[in-house]
Protein backbone atom coordinates (compact mmCIF):
# COMPACT_ATOMS: atom_id res chain seq x y z
CA MET A 1 21.22 9.52 0.71
CA GLU A 2 19.24 12.74 0.95
CA LEU A 3 15.82 12.12 -0.58
CA GLY A 4 14.57 15.69 -0.50
CA ILE A 5 11.08 14.95 0.83
CA GLN A 6 11.10 16.99 4.02
CA GLY A 7 7.67 18.57 4.34
CA LEU A 8 6.10 16.22 1.77
CA ARG A 9 2.39 15.80 2.46
CA VAL A 10 1.58 12.09 2.53
CA LEU A 11 -1.56 10.04 3.10
CA VAL A 12 -1.13 6.34 3.97
CA THR A 13 -4.20 4.13 4.07
CA ALA A 14 -4.16 1.24 6.55
CA GLY A 15 -1.23 3.09 8.02
CA ALA A 16 -1.51 2.22 11.72
CA GLY A 17 -0.01 -1.26 11.50
CA GLY A 18 2.01 -3.67 9.41
CA ILE A 19 3.36 -2.48 6.06
CA GLY A 20 1.41 0.77 6.26
CA ARG A 21 2.90 1.76 9.58
CA ALA A 22 6.41 0.92 8.39
CA ILE A 23 5.85 3.18 5.38
CA ALA A 24 4.44 5.99 7.52
CA GLU A 25 7.40 5.76 9.91
CA ALA A 26 9.85 5.85 7.00
CA PHE A 27 8.27 9.05 5.68
CA LEU A 28 8.33 10.60 9.15
CA ALA A 29 12.01 9.73 9.48
CA GLU A 30 12.61 11.83 6.35
CA GLY A 31 10.70 14.81 7.73
CA ALA A 32 7.44 14.31 5.84
CA ARG A 33 4.01 15.32 7.12
CA VAL A 34 1.89 12.19 7.30
CA HIS A 35 -1.75 11.33 7.81
CA VAL A 36 -2.68 7.68 8.33
CA CYS A 37 -6.08 6.07 8.31
CA ASP A 38 -7.06 2.62 9.51
CA VAL A 39 -10.16 0.62 10.43
CA ASP A 40 -8.61 -0.04 13.85
CA ALA A 41 -9.31 3.04 15.96
CA GLY A 42 -7.12 1.80 18.81
CA ALA A 43 -4.17 1.27 16.48
CA VAL A 44 -4.53 4.78 15.04
CA GLN A 45 -4.66 6.32 18.51
CA ALA A 46 -1.71 4.27 19.75
CA PHE A 47 0.45 5.12 16.73
CA VAL A 48 -0.20 8.84 16.93
CA ALA A 49 0.34 8.83 20.71
CA SER A 50 3.51 6.76 20.71
CA ARG A 51 5.45 8.16 17.77
CA ASP A 52 9.16 8.36 18.51
CA ASN A 53 9.99 11.98 17.71
CA GLU A 54 13.73 11.32 17.88
CA ARG A 55 13.49 9.19 14.72
CA SER A 56 11.92 12.00 12.70
CA LYS A 57 13.46 15.03 11.08
CA ALA A 58 12.34 18.50 12.03
CA GLY A 59 8.94 19.32 10.60
CA ALA A 60 7.61 15.76 10.61
CA VAL A 61 3.99 15.63 11.73
CA LEU A 62 1.67 12.64 12.17
CA GLY A 63 -2.11 12.66 12.28
CA GLY A 64 -4.68 9.93 11.93
CA SER A 65 -8.30 9.05 11.39
CA VAL A 66 -10.51 5.97 11.35
CA CYS A 67 -11.70 4.84 7.94
CA ASP A 68 -12.88 1.79 6.01
CA VAL A 69 -11.72 2.55 2.46
CA ALA A 70 -14.63 0.54 1.02
CA ASP A 71 -17.06 3.09 2.52
CA ARG A 72 -17.13 6.24 0.35
CA ALA A 73 -18.66 8.39 3.08
CA GLN A 74 -15.88 7.41 5.47
CA VAL A 75 -13.26 8.05 2.78
CA GLY A 76 -14.67 11.51 2.20
CA ALA A 77 -14.54 12.31 5.91
CA MET A 78 -11.00 10.94 6.14
CA PHE A 79 -9.84 13.18 3.28
CA ASP A 80 -11.44 16.16 4.99
CA ALA A 81 -9.48 15.38 8.15
CA ALA A 82 -6.25 14.84 6.21
CA LEU A 83 -6.63 18.17 4.43
CA VAL A 84 -7.17 19.99 7.71
CA GLN A 85 -3.87 18.54 8.95
CA LEU A 86 -1.80 18.63 5.76
CA GLY A 87 -3.26 21.55 3.81
CA GLY A 88 -2.89 19.61 0.57
CA LEU A 89 -1.48 16.36 -0.75
CA ASP A 90 1.72 15.37 -2.55
CA CYS A 91 1.63 11.59 -2.19
CA LEU A 92 -1.04 8.92 -1.77
CA ILE A 93 0.01 5.48 -0.52
CA ASN A 94 -2.95 3.25 -1.40
CA ASN A 95 -2.01 0.50 1.04
CA ALA A 96 -5.29 -0.75 2.51
CA GLY A 97 -6.15 -4.33 1.67
CA ILE A 98 -7.34 -7.63 3.09
CA ALA A 99 -6.23 -11.21 2.50
CA GLY A 100 -9.69 -12.40 1.49
CA PRO A 101 -10.89 -15.99 1.70
CA THR A 102 -8.86 -19.15 1.08
CA GLY A 103 -10.44 -21.99 -0.86
CA ALA A 104 -11.52 -23.30 -4.23
CA LEU A 105 -13.42 -20.64 -6.18
CA HIS A 106 -16.63 -22.66 -6.52
CA GLU A 107 -16.75 -23.18 -2.75
CA LEU A 108 -16.33 -19.53 -1.72
CA ASP A 109 -19.04 -17.43 -0.15
CA PRO A 110 -19.90 -14.70 -2.71
CA GLN A 111 -19.97 -12.16 0.12
CA ASP A 112 -16.31 -12.92 0.84
CA TRP A 113 -15.51 -12.32 -2.84
CA ASP A 114 -17.39 -9.02 -2.78
CA ARG A 115 -15.66 -7.79 0.37
CA CYS A 116 -12.20 -8.61 -0.98
CA ILE A 117 -12.84 -6.67 -4.21
CA GLU A 118 -14.51 -3.79 -2.34
CA VAL A 119 -11.50 -3.22 -0.09
CA ASN A 120 -8.57 -4.15 -2.34
CA LEU A 121 -9.74 -2.58 -5.60
CA THR A 122 -12.73 -0.30 -5.06
CA GLY A 123 -11.07 1.06 -1.92
CA GLN A 124 -8.12 2.21 -4.05
CA PHE A 125 -10.53 3.82 -6.52
CA ASN A 126 -12.35 5.59 -3.67
CA CYS A 127 -9.11 7.11 -2.41
CA ALA A 128 -7.55 7.82 -5.81
CA ARG A 129 -10.56 9.75 -7.10
CA LEU A 130 -10.33 12.19 -4.19
CA ALA A 131 -6.54 12.32 -4.20
CA ILE A 132 -6.10 13.08 -7.90
CA PRO A 133 -7.48 16.67 -7.83
CA LEU A 134 -5.18 17.40 -4.88
CA LEU A 135 -2.16 15.88 -6.64
CA LEU A 136 -2.96 17.89 -9.77
CA GLU A 137 -3.16 21.04 -7.64
CA ALA A 138 0.23 20.27 -6.09
CA ALA A 139 1.75 19.60 -9.52
CA ARG A 140 0.36 22.84 -10.96
CA ALA A 141 1.68 24.83 -8.02
CA ALA A 142 5.18 23.40 -8.55
CA GLY A 143 5.10 23.48 -12.35
CA THR A 144 5.31 20.25 -14.34
CA ALA A 145 9.12 20.30 -14.47
CA GLY A 146 9.40 20.68 -10.70
CA ALA A 147 6.44 18.56 -9.66
CA ASN A 148 6.94 15.80 -7.10
CA ALA A 149 3.43 14.41 -6.80
CA SER A 150 2.93 10.67 -6.82
CA MET A 151 0.71 7.71 -6.01
CA LEU A 152 1.82 4.24 -4.95
CA ASN A 153 -0.77 1.45 -5.12
CA LEU A 154 -0.17 -1.73 -3.17
CA SER A 155 -0.60 -4.76 -5.37
CA SER A 156 1.08 -8.11 -4.74
CA LEU A 157 3.16 -10.76 -6.41
CA ALA A 158 -0.24 -12.47 -6.71
CA GLY A 159 -1.08 -9.62 -9.10
CA ARG A 160 1.59 -10.88 -11.49
CA LEU A 161 1.63 -14.65 -10.99
CA GLY A 162 -1.83 -15.70 -9.82
CA PHE A 163 -2.49 -17.63 -6.63
CA ALA A 164 -4.29 -20.97 -6.34
CA MET A 165 -6.93 -21.07 -3.58
CA ARG A 166 -6.71 -17.26 -3.33
CA ALA A 167 -8.59 -16.21 -6.49
CA PRO A 168 -10.38 -13.15 -5.01
CA TYR A 169 -7.12 -11.73 -3.67
CA ALA A 170 -5.20 -12.43 -6.89
CA ALA A 171 -7.96 -10.98 -9.07
CA SER A 172 -8.08 -7.79 -7.01
CA LYS A 173 -4.31 -7.38 -7.16
CA TRP A 174 -4.14 -7.97 -10.92
CA ALA A 175 -6.78 -5.26 -11.24
CA VAL A 176 -4.62 -2.87 -9.19
CA ILE A 177 -1.91 -3.23 -11.86
CA GLY A 178 -4.41 -2.21 -14.55
CA LEU A 179 -5.57 0.72 -12.46
CA THR A 180 -1.97 1.81 -11.89
CA LYS A 181 -0.96 1.63 -15.56
CA SER A 182 -4.08 3.55 -16.61
CA LEU A 183 -3.53 6.30 -14.05
CA ALA A 184 0.15 6.59 -15.01
CA LEU A 185 -0.96 7.33 -18.57
CA GLU A 186 -3.64 9.77 -17.44
CA LEU A 187 -1.54 11.71 -14.95
CA GLY A 188 1.94 11.53 -16.47
CA PRO A 189 1.48 14.63 -18.65
CA ALA A 190 0.88 16.62 -15.46
CA GLY A 191 4.13 15.31 -13.97
CA ILE A 192 2.41 12.93 -11.54
CA ARG A 193 3.94 9.47 -11.12
CA VAL A 194 1.86 6.36 -10.42
CA ASN A 195 3.45 3.03 -9.55
CA ALA A 196 2.44 -0.27 -7.99
CA LEU A 197 4.33 -2.05 -5.23
CA LEU A 198 4.29 -5.86 -5.40
CA PRO A 199 5.39 -7.48 -2.13
CA GLY A 200 6.31 -11.14 -2.05
CA ILE A 201 6.07 -13.22 1.12
CA VAL A 202 6.08 -10.59 3.85
CA ALA A 203 7.02 -11.31 7.45
CA GLY A 204 4.17 -10.74 9.89
CA GLU A 205 1.02 -12.10 11.47
CA ARG A 206 -1.11 -11.64 8.34
CA GLN A 207 1.22 -13.82 6.26
CA ARG A 208 1.25 -16.44 8.98
CA ARG A 209 -2.56 -16.56 8.95
CA VAL A 210 -2.55 -16.96 5.16
CA LEU A 211 -0.09 -19.85 5.33
CA GLU A 212 -2.04 -21.47 8.17
CA ALA A 213 -5.25 -21.26 6.13
CA LYS A 214 -3.59 -22.78 3.07
CA ALA A 215 -2.01 -25.53 5.18
CA SER A 216 -5.41 -26.33 6.64
CA ALA A 217 -7.05 -26.37 3.20
CA ARG A 218 -4.39 -28.79 1.93
CA GLY A 219 -4.30 -30.91 5.07
CA ILE A 220 -0.59 -30.39 5.69
CA ALA A 221 1.52 -28.97 8.52
CA PHE A 222 2.34 -25.25 8.66
CA GLU A 223 6.06 -26.00 8.28
CA GLU A 224 5.43 -27.92 5.06
CA MET A 225 3.29 -25.10 3.72
CA GLU A 226 6.01 -22.61 4.57
CA ARG A 227 8.59 -24.78 2.75
CA LEU A 228 6.33 -24.95 -0.31
CA ALA A 229 5.82 -21.17 -0.21
CA PHE A 230 9.56 -20.61 -0.57
CA SER A 231 10.19 -23.49 -2.99
CA HIS A 232 10.00 -21.22 -6.05
CA THR A 233 11.89 -18.29 -4.51
CA SER A 234 15.59 -17.69 -5.13
CA ILE A 235 16.18 -15.77 -1.91
CA LYS A 236 14.49 -17.94 0.67
CA SER A 237 13.67 -15.40 3.34
CA TYR A 238 10.70 -13.25 4.20
CA VAL A 239 10.42 -9.72 2.83
CA THR A 240 10.32 -7.22 5.70
CA PRO A 241 7.93 -4.25 5.95
CA GLN A 242 10.98 -1.99 6.26
CA GLN A 243 12.28 -3.10 2.86
CA LEU A 244 8.94 -2.18 1.33
CA ALA A 245 8.92 1.14 3.18
CA ASP A 246 12.40 2.00 1.88
CA LEU A 247 11.23 1.54 -1.70
CA ALA A 248 8.00 3.46 -1.09
CA VAL A 249 9.87 6.47 0.25
CA PHE A 250 12.34 6.43 -2.64
CA ALA A 251 9.50 6.17 -5.17
CA ALA A 252 7.92 9.31 -3.65
CA SER A 253 11.15 11.31 -3.83
CA PRO A 254 12.44 13.59 -6.61
CA ARG A 255 15.14 10.96 -7.27
CA ALA A 256 12.38 8.79 -8.78
CA ARG A 257 10.99 11.57 -10.97
CA THR A 258 10.95 9.47 -14.17
CA ILE A 259 9.80 6.18 -12.61
CA SER A 260 6.12 5.74 -13.40
CA GLY A 261 3.74 3.07 -14.60
CA GLN A 262 5.92 0.39 -13.06
CA SER A 263 5.20 -2.76 -11.07
CA LEU A 264 7.93 -2.60 -8.42
CA SER A 265 8.41 -6.10 -7.09
CA VAL A 266 10.11 -6.89 -3.77
CA CYS A 267 9.91 -10.66 -3.66
CA GLY A 268 13.32 -12.34 -3.48
CA ASP A 269 12.88 -13.45 -7.11
CA THR A 270 9.74 -15.52 -6.61
CA ASN A 271 8.59 -17.25 -9.79
CA MET A 272 5.49 -19.05 -8.53
CA LEU A 273 3.14 -18.83 -5.56
CA SER A 274 2.21 -22.12 -3.88
């Protein structure tokens, strides 16, 4: 399927590893021009240095910068660097987020709560507020009927179902849904789409750490915690970063021109989080 996004100017936060890197690679494979940021300077450098050019269409370009999205000064510098590389912006992938603490709410360190909200929610605000004028500029240049400007905010299945022992994370991800719906209403008249992506149980080291922490908190083995995690899921297998990347790229393409304000769930039909 030809998605028609060759040359699309894309910014992916937390794009040097995990889901973010899979999304960045998927855009590059379609010939997009991509800038990634990440708190891990080594990961940014390694990604930019090791990109497999054979997997990318002609015109694909990758650049990167170091940024903590909770720090507005760093976000401003990152956008400056992205604009130097890209010359504008057509798509923001608001991917940066942290797992936050695991435990009963009344036992949590308030600083852990604050950090989770600062990264997962305020970080998306910090990036969106600088991206929106650029997306509006891109939409105006193309004309509303031909505009292909979009934003995809990473939420979570925890942003739809709630998550015991993970209240800071769930609260931040519910808030991302509200942010997404509000921005879809604000920006839709200009032809700009805004959606949220809600991953389920995603394969990778971060998910393993989450399950290990929950197993420890409950005093059970990892294998039992993993079984419980899938006990309310119809398709009992991990979601892969590539599956999320495939949807992200489609949502940024002209084929998704009328998809906006949606919570796009990739979760194997999970009905409860354990």
